[in-house]
């Protein structure tokens, strides 16, 4: 075998070796011929024309992430510092999409610079329309606004914004101190209002309880007075019944009923003496006065009998 045959055999083996290309899983290889796009190579073992076809770029179709840190200014001129995490990926595996990813930007560094600046600009434009007191509660709205503004642009680049997580929102130290004072004053105001409401409720309940107590006491006094009156009326009724029965028995025995009056007079004098507790009661105990008192009592008894007869 001459030297020429050996050289051609070696060149054939070398060309055969360079004809096979391995593409890793999660990536796509872009093939060009003399700088012009030719085709795509999918993951696995592929064949290309050596010395004519070349791999221009290997593009990852996996999800990618990046940390962002930037500052924005609110409507009321407060500086807001954002720390965020960006998650993005190639839009799909279509040939046109991969061509956009491969040829829109010179390299990944330029892509990331454009992507980050676009997101920062969208966030700043949104925050500039809000006040500092509103920004802390608008995380979701900020993310939705960024995606709405950038989705079409990223699709033209061949990418898709999967998520934008705003991890931290902080203000300048002076603003943070003023916000802390506002929160503290609002808490004191709320505490004072709650204390006032509690005191009002306590006073109201106390007044209601006192009013109910007075009402209950008045009702009890009214009922007690009613019962006392009924008791006195019943007592007098029983006395009248007893005196009527005693007078009837004395008339049947041919005795003078004025003895009943005399007995009541002596009983009254006796009670005055026993239960007077030192009080002085002046009674005329002469026979004439006693006789006059008995006549008056008898006259009142007869007047009552006449009245009862007339009513009958």
C-alpha atoms as a PDB file:
ATOM      1  CA  UNK A   1       0.000   0.000   0.000  1.00  0.00           C
ATOM      2  CA  UNK A   2       1.517   3.262  -1.092  1.00  0.00           C
ATOM      3  CA  UNK A   3       1.654   6.460   0.926  1.00  0.00           C
ATOM      4  CA  UNK A   4      -1.186   8.132  -1.022  1.00  0.00           C
ATOM      5  CA  UNK A   5      -3.643   5.420  -0.118  1.00  0.00           C
ATOM      6  CA  UNK A   6      -2.698   5.703   3.525  1.00  0.00           C
ATOM      7  CA  UNK A   7      -3.228   9.470   3.479  1.00  0.00           C
ATOM      8  CA  UNK A   8      -6.651   9.133   1.858  1.00  0.00           C
ATOM      9  CA  UNK A   9      -7.633   6.474   4.386  1.00  0.00           C
ATOM     10  CA  UNK A  10      -6.593   8.674   7.277  1.00  0.00           C
ATOM     11  CA  UNK A  11      -8.484  11.650   5.811  1.00  0.00           C
ATOM     12  CA  UNK A  12     -11.579   9.521   5.327  1.00  0.00           C
ATOM     13  CA  UNK A  13     -11.497   8.358   8.943  1.00  0.00           C
ATOM     14  CA  UNK A  14     -11.029  11.921  10.191  1.00  0.00           C
ATOM     15  CA  UNK A  15     -13.888  13.204   8.031  1.00  0.00           C
ATOM     16  CA  UNK A  16     -16.071  10.348   9.206  1.00  0.00           C
ATOM     17  CA  UNK A  17     -15.314  11.175  12.833  1.00  0.00           C
ATOM     18  CA  UNK A  18     -16.145  14.862  12.342  1.00  0.00           C
ATOM     19  CA  UNK A  19     -19.365  13.935  10.572  1.00  0.00           C
ATOM     20  CA  UNK A  20     -20.963  12.789  13.832  1.00  0.00           C
ATOM     21  CA  UNK A  21     -22.201  15.383  16.363  1.00  0.00           C
ATOM     22  CA  UNK A  22     -23.644  14.759  19.811  1.00  0.00           C
ATOM     23  CA  UNK A  23     -26.251  17.233  21.124  1.00  0.00           C
ATOM     24  CA  UNK A  24     -26.968  17.154  24.860  1.00  0.00           C
ATOM     25  CA  UNK A  25     -30.475  16.750  26.236  1.00  0.00           C
ATOM     26  CA  UNK A  26     -32.165  20.141  26.833  1.00  0.00           C
ATOM     27  CA  UNK A  27     -30.231  21.857  24.023  1.00  0.00           C
ATOM     28  CA  UNK A  28     -30.600  22.412  20.291  1.00  0.00           C
ATOM     29  CA  UNK A  29     -27.689  22.961  17.866  1.00  0.00           C
ATOM     30  CA  UNK A  30     -27.994  25.534  15.066  1.00  0.00           C
ATOM     31  CA  UNK A  31     -26.192  24.489  11.860  1.00  0.00           C
ATOM     32  CA  UNK A  32     -24.948  27.025   9.289  1.00  0.00           C
ATOM     33  CA  UNK A  33     -23.238  26.630   5.888  1.00  0.00           C
ATOM     34  CA  UNK A  34     -20.626  29.304   5.308  1.00  0.00           C
ATOM     35  CA  UNK A  35     -22.394  31.532   7.861  1.00  0.00           C
ATOM     36  CA  UNK A  36     -25.942  31.013   6.539  1.00  0.00           C
ATOM     37  CA  UNK A  37     -28.591  29.193   8.570  1.00  0.00           C
ATOM     38  CA  UNK A  38     -29.104  25.639   7.381  1.00  0.00           C
ATOM     39  CA  UNK A  39     -30.953  23.486   9.905  1.00  0.00           C
ATOM     40  CA  UNK A  40     -31.339  22.359  13.541  1.00  0.00           C
ATOM     41  CA  UNK A  41     -29.884  19.357  15.290  1.00  0.00           C
ATOM     42  CA  UNK A  42     -32.039  17.775  18.016  1.00  0.00           C
ATOM     43  CA  UNK A  43     -30.678  16.091  21.176  1.00  0.00           C
ATOM     44  CA  UNK A  44     -28.802  12.841  20.535  1.00  0.00           C
ATOM     45  CA  UNK A  45     -26.362  11.653  17.843  1.00  0.00           C
ATOM     46  CA  UNK A  46     -26.568  13.621  14.580  1.00  0.00           C
ATOM     47  CA  UNK A  47     -24.696  13.669  11.263  1.00  0.00           C
ATOM     48  CA  UNK A  48     -23.386  16.787   9.531  1.00  0.00           C
ATOM     49  CA  UNK A  49     -21.337  17.474   6.451  1.00  0.00           C
ATOM     50  CA  UNK A  50     -17.760  17.983   7.641  1.00  0.00           C
ATOM     51  CA  UNK A  51     -15.902  21.116   6.587  1.00  0.00           C
ATOM     52  CA  UNK A  52     -19.114  22.541   5.066  1.00  0.00           C
ATOM     53  CA  UNK A  53     -21.711  22.497   7.869  1.00  0.00           C
ATOM     54  CA  UNK A  54     -20.688  23.976  11.220  1.00  0.00           C
ATOM     55  CA  UNK A  55     -22.378  24.395  14.588  1.00  0.00           C
ATOM     56  CA  UNK A  56     -23.084  28.095  14.953  1.00  0.00           C
ATOM     57  CA  UNK A  57     -24.542  27.916  18.461  1.00  0.00           C
ATOM     58  CA  UNK A  58     -25.907  25.500  21.007  1.00  0.00           C
ATOM     59  CA  UNK A  59     -29.103  26.877  22.587  1.00  0.00           C
ATOM     60  CA  UNK A  60     -30.459  25.678  25.916  1.00  0.00           C
ATOM     61  CA  UNK A  61     -34.226  25.139  25.956  1.00  0.00           C
ATOM     62  CA  UNK A  62     -34.275  24.691  29.740  1.00  0.00           C
ATOM     63  CA  UNK A  63     -35.600  27.232  32.236  1.00  0.00           C
ATOM     64  CA  UNK A  64     -33.146  29.935  33.283  1.00  0.00           C
ATOM     65  CA  UNK A  65     -33.118  32.304  36.250  1.00  0.00           C
ATOM     66  CA  UNK A  66     -31.460  35.597  37.102  1.00  0.00           C
ATOM     67  CA  UNK A  67     -31.285  37.837  40.177  1.00  0.00           C
ATOM     68  CA  UNK A  68     -32.314  41.469  39.761  1.00  0.00           C
ATOM     69  CA  UNK A  69     -31.682  44.487  41.955  1.00  0.00           C
ATOM     70  CA  UNK A  70     -32.790  47.970  40.986  1.00  0.00           C
ATOM     71  CA  UNK A  71     -34.407  51.171  42.278  1.00  0.00           C
ATOM     72  CA  UNK A  72     -37.606  53.027  41.357  1.00  0.00           C
ATOM     73  CA  UNK A  73     -39.213  56.326  42.407  1.00  0.00           C
ATOM     74  CA  UNK A  74     -42.857  56.663  43.454  1.00  0.00           C
ATOM     75  CA  UNK A  75     -45.270  59.452  42.616  1.00  0.00           C
ATOM     76  CA  UNK A  76     -44.489  61.181  45.924  1.00  0.00           C
ATOM     77  CA  UNK A  77     -40.720  61.025  45.275  1.00  0.00           C
ATOM     78  CA  UNK A  78     -39.859  58.085  47.535  1.00  0.00           C
ATOM     79  CA  UNK A  79     -37.015  55.779  46.480  1.00  0.00           C
ATOM     80  CA  UNK A  80     -38.004  52.105  46.408  1.00  0.00           C
ATOM     81  CA  UNK A  81     -35.390  49.330  46.264  1.00  0.00           C
ATOM     82  CA  UNK A  82     -36.425  46.069  44.574  1.00  0.00           C
ATOM     83  CA  UNK A  83     -34.837  42.641  44.798  1.00  0.00           C
ATOM     84  CA  UNK A  84     -36.362  40.147  42.379  1.00  0.00           C
ATOM     85  CA  UNK A  85     -35.835  36.753  40.777  1.00  0.00           C
ATOM     86  CA  UNK A  86     -36.472  36.365  37.037  1.00  0.00           C
ATOM     87  CA  UNK A  87     -37.451  32.983  35.572  1.00  0.00           C
ATOM     88  CA  UNK A  88     -37.581  32.654  31.768  1.00  0.00           C
ATOM     89  CA  UNK A  89     -37.104  30.121  28.973  1.00  0.00           C
ATOM     90  CA  UNK A  90     -37.194  29.641  25.206  1.00  0.00           C
ATOM     91  CA  UNK A  91     -40.781  30.062  24.026  1.00  0.00           C
ATOM     92  CA  UNK A  92     -41.003  26.679  22.249  1.00  0.00           C
ATOM     93  CA  UNK A  93     -38.973  24.247  20.109  1.00  0.00           C
ATOM     94  CA  UNK A  94     -40.208  25.493  16.750  1.00  0.00           C
ATOM     95  CA  UNK A  95     -37.584  26.252  14.109  1.00  0.00           C
ATOM     96  CA  UNK A  96     -38.553  29.919  13.744  1.00  0.00           C
ATOM     97  CA  UNK A  97     -38.367  30.437  17.498  1.00  0.00           C
ATOM     98  CA  UNK A  98     -34.918  28.856  17.709  1.00  0.00           C
ATOM     99  CA  UNK A  99     -33.721  31.034  14.791  1.00  0.00           C
ATOM    100  CA  UNK A 100     -34.870  34.173  16.704  1.00  0.00           C
ATOM    101  CA  UNK A 101     -33.044  33.028  19.814  1.00  0.00           C
ATOM    102  CA  UNK A 102     -29.886  32.270  17.837  1.00  0.00           C
ATOM    103  CA  UNK A 103     -29.672  35.403  15.705  1.00  0.00           C
ATOM    104  CA  UNK A 104     -31.505  38.244  17.551  1.00  0.00           C
ATOM    105  CA  UNK A 105     -28.616  38.907  19.941  1.00  0.00           C
ATOM    106  CA  UNK A 106     -24.879  38.582  19.602  1.00  0.00           C
ATOM    107  CA  UNK A 107     -24.594  36.504  22.780  1.00  0.00           C
ATOM    108  CA  UNK A 108     -26.366  35.680  26.032  1.00  0.00           C
ATOM    109  CA  UNK A 109     -24.789  38.628  27.843  1.00  0.00           C
ATOM    110  CA  UNK A 110     -26.481  41.109  25.493  1.00  0.00           C
ATOM    111  CA  UNK A 111     -29.753  39.212  25.815  1.00  0.00           C
ATOM    112  CA  UNK A 112     -29.655  39.370  29.611  1.00  0.00           C
ATOM    113  CA  UNK A 113     -28.788  43.056  29.554  1.00  0.00           C
ATOM    114  CA  UNK A 114     -31.763  43.854  27.307  1.00  0.00           C
ATOM    115  CA  UNK A 115     -34.118  41.606  29.308  1.00  0.00           C
ATOM    116  CA  UNK A 116     -33.152  43.056  32.684  1.00  0.00           C
ATOM    117  CA  UNK A 117     -33.313  46.654  31.492  1.00  0.00           C
ATOM    118  CA  UNK A 118     -36.744  46.052  29.943  1.00  0.00           C
ATOM    119  CA  UNK A 119     -38.076  44.604  33.212  1.00  0.00           C
ATOM    120  CA  UNK A 120     -36.586  47.424  35.275  1.00  0.00           C
ATOM    121  CA  UNK A 121     -38.097  50.028  32.949  1.00  0.00           C
ATOM    122  CA  UNK A 122     -41.544  48.420  33.134  1.00  0.00           C
ATOM    123  CA  UNK A 123     -41.425  48.286  36.953  1.00  0.00           C
ATOM    124  CA  UNK A 124     -40.226  51.885  37.222  1.00  0.00           C
ATOM    125  CA  UNK A 125     -43.001  53.106  34.911  1.00  0.00           C
ATOM    126  CA  UNK A 126     -45.608  51.315  37.022  1.00  0.00           C
ATOM    127  CA  UNK A 127     -44.223  52.462  40.402  1.00  0.00           C
ATOM    128  CA  UNK A 128     -44.036  56.072  39.185  1.00  0.00           C
ATOM    129  CA  UNK A 129     -47.862  56.136  39.105  1.00  0.00           C
ATOM    130  CA  UNK A 130     -48.239  54.906  42.713  1.00  0.00           C
ATOM    131  CA  UNK A 131     -47.644  56.382  46.151  1.00  0.00           C
ATOM    132  CA  UNK A 132     -45.157  54.887  48.596  1.00  0.00           C
ATOM    133  CA  UNK A 133     -47.951  53.653  50.888  1.00  0.00           C
ATOM    134  CA  UNK A 134     -49.418  51.629  48.006  1.00  0.00           C
ATOM    135  CA  UNK A 135     -46.264  49.963  46.676  1.00  0.00           C
ATOM    136  CA  UNK A 136     -45.882  47.379  49.461  1.00  0.00           C
ATOM    137  CA  UNK A 137     -49.303  45.884  48.689  1.00  0.00           C
ATOM    138  CA  UNK A 138     -48.898  45.779  44.898  1.00  0.00           C
ATOM    139  CA  UNK A 139     -46.465  42.894  44.343  1.00  0.00           C
ATOM    140  CA  UNK A 140     -48.896  40.875  42.237  1.00  0.00           C
ATOM    141  CA  UNK A 141     -49.999  43.930  40.243  1.00  0.00           C
ATOM    142  CA  UNK A 142     -46.373  44.824  39.487  1.00  0.00           C
ATOM    143  CA  UNK A 143     -45.649  41.312  38.180  1.00  0.00           C
ATOM    144  CA  UNK A 144     -48.807  41.244  36.060  1.00  0.00           C
ATOM    145  CA  UNK A 145     -47.991  44.666  34.611  1.00  0.00           C
ATOM    146  CA  UNK A 146     -44.433  43.577  33.684  1.00  0.00           C
ATOM    147  CA  UNK A 147     -45.654  40.393  31.980  1.00  0.00           C
ATOM    148  CA  UNK A 148     -48.341  42.276  30.092  1.00  0.00           C
ATOM    149  CA  UNK A 149     -45.829  44.826  28.785  1.00  0.00           C
ATOM    150  CA  UNK A 150     -43.013  42.379  27.925  1.00  0.00           C
ATOM    151  CA  UNK A 151     -44.770  39.241  26.663  1.00  0.00           C
ATOM    152  CA  UNK A 152     -44.977  40.468  23.054  1.00  0.00           C
ATOM    153  CA  UNK A 153     -41.394  41.745  23.034  1.00  0.00           C
ATOM    154  CA  UNK A 154     -40.024  38.524  24.506  1.00  0.00           C
ATOM    155  CA  UNK A 155     -41.971  36.452  21.993  1.00  0.00           C
ATOM    156  CA  UNK A 156     -40.263  38.393  19.199  1.00  0.00           C
ATOM    157  CA  UNK A 157     -36.936  37.463  20.785  1.00  0.00           C
ATOM    158  CA  UNK A 158     -38.034  33.819  21.085  1.00  0.00           C
ATOM    159  CA  UNK A 159     -38.363  33.819  24.895  1.00  0.00           C
ATOM    160  CA  UNK A 160     -41.157  33.556  27.432  1.00  0.00           C
ATOM    161  CA  UNK A 161     -41.273  35.199  30.872  1.00  0.00           C
ATOM    162  CA  UNK A 162     -42.358  32.388  33.191  1.00  0.00           C
ATOM    163  CA  UNK A 163     -42.319  34.271  36.482  1.00  0.00           C
ATOM    164  CA  UNK A 164     -41.057  37.376  38.182  1.00  0.00           C
ATOM    165  CA  UNK A 165     -40.861  37.022  41.946  1.00  0.00           C
ATOM    166  CA  UNK A 166     -40.343  40.233  43.889  1.00  0.00           C
ATOM    167  CA  UNK A 167     -38.520  39.032  46.982  1.00  0.00           C
ATOM    168  CA  UNK A 168     -37.975  42.313  48.787  1.00  0.00           C
ATOM    169  CA  UNK A 169     -39.268  45.886  48.631  1.00  0.00           C
ATOM    170  CA  UNK A 170     -37.498  48.436  50.815  1.00  0.00           C
ATOM    171  CA  UNK A 171     -37.339  52.212  51.087  1.00  0.00           C
ATOM    172  CA  UNK A 172     -34.569  54.604  52.034  1.00  0.00           C
ATOM    173  CA  UNK A 173     -33.738  54.746  55.738  1.00  0.00           C
ATOM    174  CA  UNK A 174     -35.394  58.146  56.223  1.00  0.00           C
ATOM    175  CA  UNK A 175     -38.567  56.939  54.537  1.00  0.00           C
ATOM    176  CA  UNK A 176     -38.574  53.770  56.632  1.00  0.00           C
ATOM    177  CA  UNK A 177     -38.303  55.828  59.838  1.00  0.00           C
ATOM    178  CA  UNK A 178     -41.182  58.079  58.793  1.00  0.00           C
ATOM    179  CA  UNK A 179     -43.312  55.063  57.853  1.00  0.00           C
ATOM    180  CA  UNK A 180     -42.568  53.487  61.228  1.00  0.00           C
ATOM    181  CA  UNK A 181     -43.738  56.687  62.945  1.00  0.00           C
ATOM    182  CA  UNK A 182     -46.928  56.691  60.885  1.00  0.00           C
ATOM    183  CA  UNK A 183     -47.617  53.061  61.784  1.00  0.00           C
ATOM    184  CA  UNK A 184     -46.919  53.751  65.464  1.00  0.00           C
ATOM    185  CA  UNK A 185     -49.220  56.792  65.505  1.00  0.00           C
ATOM    186  CA  UNK A 186     -51.966  54.823  63.748  1.00  0.00           C
ATOM    187  CA  UNK A 187     -51.606  52.046  66.310  1.00  0.00           C
ATOM    188  CA  UNK A 188     -51.866  54.560  69.158  1.00  0.00           C
ATOM    189  CA  UNK A 189     -54.919  56.106  67.521  1.00  0.00           C
ATOM    190  CA  UNK A 190     -56.552  52.696  67.103  1.00  0.00           C
ATOM    191  CA  UNK A 191     -55.717  51.818  70.723  1.00  0.00           C
ATOM    192  CA  UNK A 192     -57.241  55.097  71.959  1.00  0.00           C
ATOM    193  CA  UNK A 193     -60.369  54.523  69.881  1.00  0.00           C
ATOM    194  CA  UNK A 194     -60.693  50.973  71.201  1.00  0.00           C
ATOM    195  CA  UNK A 195     -60.191  52.177  74.775  1.00  0.00           C
ATOM    196  CA  UNK A 196     -62.828  54.884  74.276  1.00  0.00           C
ATOM    197  CA  UNK A 197     -65.262  52.366  72.847  1.00  0.00           C
ATOM    198  CA  UNK A 198     -64.600  50.007  75.745  1.00  0.00           C
ATOM    199  CA  UNK A 199     -65.161  52.808  78.274  1.00  0.00           C
ATOM    200  CA  UNK A 200     -68.358  53.866  76.501  1.00  0.00           C
ATOM    201  CA  UNK A 201     -69.639  50.296  76.538  1.00  0.00           C
ATOM    202  CA  UNK A 202     -68.742  49.949  80.230  1.00  0.00           C
ATOM    203  CA  UNK A 203     -70.500  53.195  81.142  1.00  0.00           C
ATOM    204  CA  UNK A 204     -73.535  52.287  79.043  1.00  0.00           C
ATOM    205  CA  UNK A 205     -73.811  48.849  80.603  1.00  0.00           C
ATOM    206  CA  UNK A 206     -73.405  50.313  84.093  1.00  0.00           C
ATOM    207  CA  UNK A 207     -76.139  52.887  83.410  1.00  0.00           C
ATOM    208  CA  UNK A 208     -78.402  50.171  82.029  1.00  0.00           C
ATOM    209  CA  UNK A 209     -77.746  47.988  85.077  1.00  0.00           C
ATOM    210  CA  UNK A 210     -78.443  50.893  87.449  1.00  0.00           C
ATOM    211  CA  UNK A 211     -81.640  51.743  85.574  1.00  0.00           C
ATOM    212  CA  UNK A 212     -82.778  48.134  85.685  1.00  0.00           C
ATOM    213  CA  UNK A 213     -81.965  47.974  89.402  1.00  0.00           C
ATOM    214  CA  UNK A 214     -84.025  51.120  90.077  1.00  0.00           C
ATOM    215  CA  UNK A 215     -86.844  49.747  87.982  1.00  0.00           C
ATOM    216  CA  UNK A 216     -86.775  46.423  89.809  1.00  0.00           C
ATOM    217  CA  UNK A 217     -86.621  48.170  93.219  1.00  0.00           C
ATOM    218  CA  UNK A 218     -89.558  50.428  92.289  1.00  0.00           C
ATOM    219  CA  UNK A 219     -91.562  47.461  91.083  1.00  0.00           C
ATOM    220  CA  UNK A 220     -90.755  45.589  94.285  1.00  0.00           C
ATOM    221  CA  UNK A 221     -91.735  48.596  96.408  1.00  0.00           C
ATOM    222  CA  UNK A 222     -95.003  48.950  94.478  1.00  0.00           C
ATOM    223  CA  UNK A 223     -95.776  45.280  94.971  1.00  0.00           C
ATOM    224  CA  UNK A 224     -94.827  45.475  98.672  1.00  0.00           C
ATOM    225  CA  UNK A 225     -97.069  48.523  99.170  1.00  0.00           C
ATOM    226  CA  UNK A 226     -99.896  46.727  97.393  1.00  0.00           C
ATOM    227  CA  UNK A 227     -99.435  43.689  99.593  1.00  0.00           C
ATOM    228  CA  UNK A 228     -99.255  45.857 102.714  1.00  0.00           C
ATOM    229  CA  UNK A 229    -102.500  47.583 101.704  1.00  0.00           C
ATOM    230  CA  UNK A 230    -104.171  44.256 101.074  1.00  0.00           C
ATOM    231  CA  UNK A 231    -102.903  43.023 104.441  1.00  0.00           C
ATOM    232  CA  UNK A 232    -104.223  46.098 106.274  1.00  0.00           C
ATOM    233  CA  UNK A 233    -107.565  45.826 104.464  1.00  0.00           C
ATOM    234  CA  UNK A 234    -107.815  42.145 105.371  1.00  0.00           C
ATOM    235  CA  UNK A 235    -106.889  42.953 108.979  1.00  0.00           C
ATOM    236  CA  UNK A 236    -109.577  45.626 109.209  1.00  0.00           C
ATOM    237  CA  UNK A 237    -112.102  43.329 107.589  1.00  0.00           C
ATOM    238  CA  UNK A 238    -111.386  40.639 110.149  1.00  0.00           C
ATOM    239  CA  UNK A 239    -111.666  43.194 112.961  1.00  0.00           C
ATOM    240  CA  UNK A 240    -115.023  44.341 111.623  1.00  0.00           C
ATOM    241  CA  UNK A 241    -116.237  40.749 111.365  1.00  0.00           C
ATOM    242  CA  UNK A 242    -115.082  40.055 114.933  1.00  0.00           C
ATOM    243  CA  UNK A 243    -116.725  43.185 116.318  1.00  0.00           C
ATOM    244  CA  UNK A 244    -119.960  42.415 114.436  1.00  0.00           C
ATOM    245  CA  UNK A 245    -120.031  38.916 115.847  1.00  0.00           C
ATOM    246  CA  UNK A 246    -119.226  40.180 119.373  1.00  0.00           C
ATOM    247  CA  UNK A 247    -121.963  42.852 119.182  1.00  0.00           C
ATOM    248  CA  UNK A 248    -124.466  40.262 118.009  1.00  0.00           C
ATOM    249  CA  UNK A 249    -123.645  37.981 120.928  1.00  0.00           C
ATOM    250  CA  UNK A 250    -123.953  40.862 123.415  1.00  0.00           C
ATOM    251  CA  UNK A 251    -127.344  41.867 121.982  1.00  0.00           C
ATOM    252  CA  UNK A 252    -128.551  38.288 122.317  1.00  0.00           C
ATOM    253  CA  UNK A 253    -127.352  38.328 125.936  1.00  0.00           C
ATOM    254  CA  UNK A 254    -129.103  41.705 126.589  1.00  0.00           C
ATOM    255  CA  UNK A 255    -125.746  43.420 127.179  1.00  0.00           C
ATOM    256  CA  UNK A 256    -124.832  46.973 126.182  1.00  0.00           C
ATOM    257  CA  UNK A 257    -122.689  46.931 123.025  1.00  0.00           C
ATOM    258  CA  UNK A 258    -120.906  50.075 124.187  1.00  0.00           C
ATOM    259  CA  UNK A 259    -118.756  47.751 126.299  1.00  0.00           C
ATOM    260  CA  UNK A 260    -116.989  46.804 123.077  1.00  0.00           C
ATOM    261  CA  UNK A 261    -116.058  50.429 122.546  1.00  0.00           C
ATOM    262  CA  UNK A 262    -114.874  50.694 126.102  1.00  0.00           C
ATOM    263  CA  UNK A 263    -112.774  47.579 125.721  1.00  0.00           C
ATOM    264  CA  UNK A 264    -111.178  48.984 122.544  1.00  0.00           C
ATOM    265  CA  UNK A 265    -110.460  52.236 124.373  1.00  0.00           C
ATOM    266  CA  UNK A 266    -108.688  50.477 127.224  1.00  0.00           C
ATOM    267  CA  UNK A 267    -106.759  48.259 124.803  1.00  0.00           C
ATOM    268  CA  UNK A 268    -105.595  51.324 122.890  1.00  0.00           C
ATOM    269  CA  UNK A 269    -104.413  52.993 126.089  1.00  0.00           C
ATOM    270  CA  UNK A 270    -102.627  49.792 127.053  1.00  0.00           C
ATOM    271  CA  UNK A 271    -100.848  49.579 123.668  1.00  0.00           C
ATOM    272  CA  UNK A 272     -99.818  53.228 123.883  1.00  0.00           C
ATOM    273  CA  UNK A 273     -98.256  52.542 127.243  1.00  0.00           C
ATOM    274  CA  UNK A 274     -96.468  49.332 126.222  1.00  0.00           C
ATOM    275  CA  UNK A 275     -95.168  50.314 122.782  1.00  0.00           C
ATOM    276  CA  UNK A 276     -94.791  54.061 123.014  1.00  0.00           C
ATOM    277  CA  UNK A 277     -90.956  53.789 123.342  1.00  0.00           C
ATOM    278  CA  UNK A 278     -90.783  56.932 125.440  1.00  0.00           C
ATOM    279  CA  UNK A 279     -93.036  59.036 123.196  1.00  0.00           C
ATOM    280  CA  UNK A 280     -95.494  61.191 125.084  1.00  0.00           C
ATOM    281  CA  UNK A 281     -99.164  60.877 124.086  1.00  0.00           C
ATOM    282  CA  UNK A 282    -101.680  63.113 125.888  1.00  0.00           C
ATOM    283  CA  UNK A 283    -105.073  61.432 126.575  1.00  0.00           C
ATOM    284  CA  UNK A 284    -107.864  62.897 128.587  1.00  0.00           C
ATOM    285  CA  UNK A 285    -108.714  60.069 130.994  1.00  0.00           C
ATOM    286  CA  UNK A 286    -111.544  61.810 132.789  1.00  0.00           C
ATOM    287  CA  UNK A 287    -114.933  60.109 132.986  1.00  0.00           C
ATOM    288  CA  UNK A 288    -116.594  62.878 131.016  1.00  0.00           C
ATOM    289  CA  UNK A 289    -114.107  62.657 128.163  1.00  0.00           C
ATOM    290  CA  UNK A 290    -114.260  58.900 128.087  1.00  0.00           C
ATOM    291  CA  UNK A 291    -118.056  59.049 128.039  1.00  0.00           C
ATOM    292  CA  UNK A 292    -117.942  61.610 125.237  1.00  0.00           C
ATOM    293  CA  UNK A 293    -115.520  59.447 123.224  1.00  0.00           C
ATOM    294  CA  UNK A 294    -117.711  56.367 123.646  1.00  0.00           C
ATOM    295  CA  UNK A 295    -120.799  58.312 122.539  1.00  0.00           C
ATOM    296  CA  UNK A 296    -118.959  59.511 119.449  1.00  0.00           C
ATOM    297  CA  UNK A 297    -117.847  55.993 118.626  1.00  0.00           C
ATOM    298  CA  UNK A 298    -121.398  54.674 119.173  1.00  0.00           C
ATOM    299  CA  UNK A 299    -122.792  57.466 116.988  1.00  0.00           C
ATOM    300  CA  UNK A 300    -120.330  56.503 114.238  1.00  0.00           C
ATOM    301  CA  UNK A 301    -121.457  52.870 114.610  1.00  0.00           C
ATOM    302  CA  UNK A 302    -125.117  53.830 114.306  1.00  0.00           C
ATOM    303  CA  UNK A 303    -124.340  56.045 111.323  1.00  0.00           C
ATOM    304  CA  UNK A 304    -122.668  53.110 109.650  1.00  0.00           C
ATOM    305  CA  UNK A 305    -125.736  50.911 110.391  1.00  0.00           C
ATOM    306  CA  UNK A 306    -128.068  53.551 108.934  1.00  0.00           C
ATOM    307  CA  UNK A 307    -125.863  53.813 105.859  1.00  0.00           C
ATOM    308  CA  UNK A 308    -125.864  50.056 105.386  1.00  0.00           C
ATOM    309  CA  UNK A 309    -129.677  49.941 105.817  1.00  0.00           C
ATOM    310  CA  UNK A 310    -130.150  52.715 103.271  1.00  0.00           C
ATOM    311  CA  UNK A 311    -127.933  50.944 100.819  1.00  0.00           C
ATOM    312  CA  UNK A 312    -130.038  47.813 101.211  1.00  0.00           C
END
